[in-house]
Protein backbone atom coordinates (compact mmCIF):
# COMPACT_ATOMS: atom_id res chain seq x y z
CA MET A 1 -15.60 17.11 34.59
CA PRO A 2 -13.95 15.61 31.82
CA LYS A 3 -10.19 14.04 32.76
CA GLN A 4 -6.90 15.53 31.40
CA LYS A 5 -5.02 14.46 28.56
CA LEU A 6 -1.33 13.33 29.13
CA LYS A 7 1.31 14.31 27.91
CA SER A 8 3.83 11.95 25.80
CA HIS A 9 7.10 12.15 26.66
CA GLN A 10 9.47 13.67 23.94
CA GLY A 11 12.56 11.98 24.52
CA ALA A 12 11.05 8.38 24.53
CA LYS A 13 8.69 10.10 21.38
CA LYS A 14 11.56 10.22 19.13
CA ARG A 15 13.58 7.65 20.28
CA PHE A 16 10.87 4.55 20.16
CA ARG A 17 8.38 3.37 17.77
CA ILE A 18 4.97 0.87 18.82
CA THR A 19 4.38 -2.14 16.81
CA PRO A 20 1.10 -2.55 16.08
CA THR A 21 0.45 -6.11 18.30
CA GLY A 22 2.35 -3.93 21.69
CA LYS A 23 5.53 -4.51 21.06
CA ILE A 24 8.55 -0.93 21.37
CA LEU A 25 11.12 -1.29 19.32
CA ARG A 26 14.22 0.39 19.48
CA THR A 27 18.08 0.67 18.13
CA LYS A 28 21.42 -0.06 18.66
CA GLY A 29 24.09 2.85 20.02
CA MET A 30 27.29 3.38 18.99
CA LYS A 31 25.51 4.06 15.34
CA SER A 32 28.15 7.16 14.52
CA HIS A 33 30.38 6.89 16.91
CA LEU A 34 33.68 5.93 14.70
CA ARG A 35 31.57 4.89 12.48
CA ARG A 36 34.64 5.39 10.04
CA LYS A 37 36.54 1.57 10.89
CA LYS A 38 33.17 -0.38 11.36
CA PRO A 39 32.68 -2.58 8.76
CA ALA A 40 29.68 -1.74 6.59
CA ARG A 41 28.01 -5.35 6.98
CA VAL A 42 28.55 -3.63 10.95
CA LYS A 43 26.51 -0.55 10.32
CA ARG A 44 24.22 -1.96 8.46
CA GLN A 45 22.57 -3.92 11.54
CA PHE A 46 22.63 -0.72 13.70
CA ASP A 47 19.81 0.45 11.67
CA ALA A 48 17.69 -2.68 12.59
CA MET A 49 15.25 -2.12 15.65
CA ILE A 50 14.99 -4.54 17.93
CA PRO A 51 12.28 -5.32 21.28
CA VAL A 52 13.22 -3.47 24.36
CA SER A 53 14.64 -5.16 27.41
CA LYS A 54 10.63 -6.04 29.36
CA ALA A 55 12.32 -4.45 32.45
CA ASP A 56 12.54 -0.94 30.65
CA ALA A 57 8.40 -1.67 29.21
CA PRO A 58 7.02 -0.38 31.64
CA ARG A 59 9.07 2.95 31.98
CA LEU A 60 8.32 3.27 28.32
CA ARG A 61 4.53 2.40 28.29
CA ARG A 62 4.22 5.19 31.10
CA ALA A 63 5.77 7.60 28.97
CA LEU A 64 4.20 7.74 25.89
CA PRO A 65 0.46 7.58 27.11
CA TYR A 66 -0.48 7.39 23.48
CA GLY A 67 2.17 5.50 20.93
CA ALA A 68 5.08 6.69 20.09
CA GLY A 69 4.58 9.05 17.31
């Protein structure tokens, strides 16, 4: 009997991206909160994807068994 497929966590799938080398990337929070008073430079920095911490990576790998997407 074949093993069942695992389901990806839909919230994690929308929030994280896995690179071809296996790193998990995330965006910064607070991007849309009070954005009118933030400088343009700060708003641009919110667009960049940054790697998740090493402590969170194993939990996200379980939530995304086949990669994000």
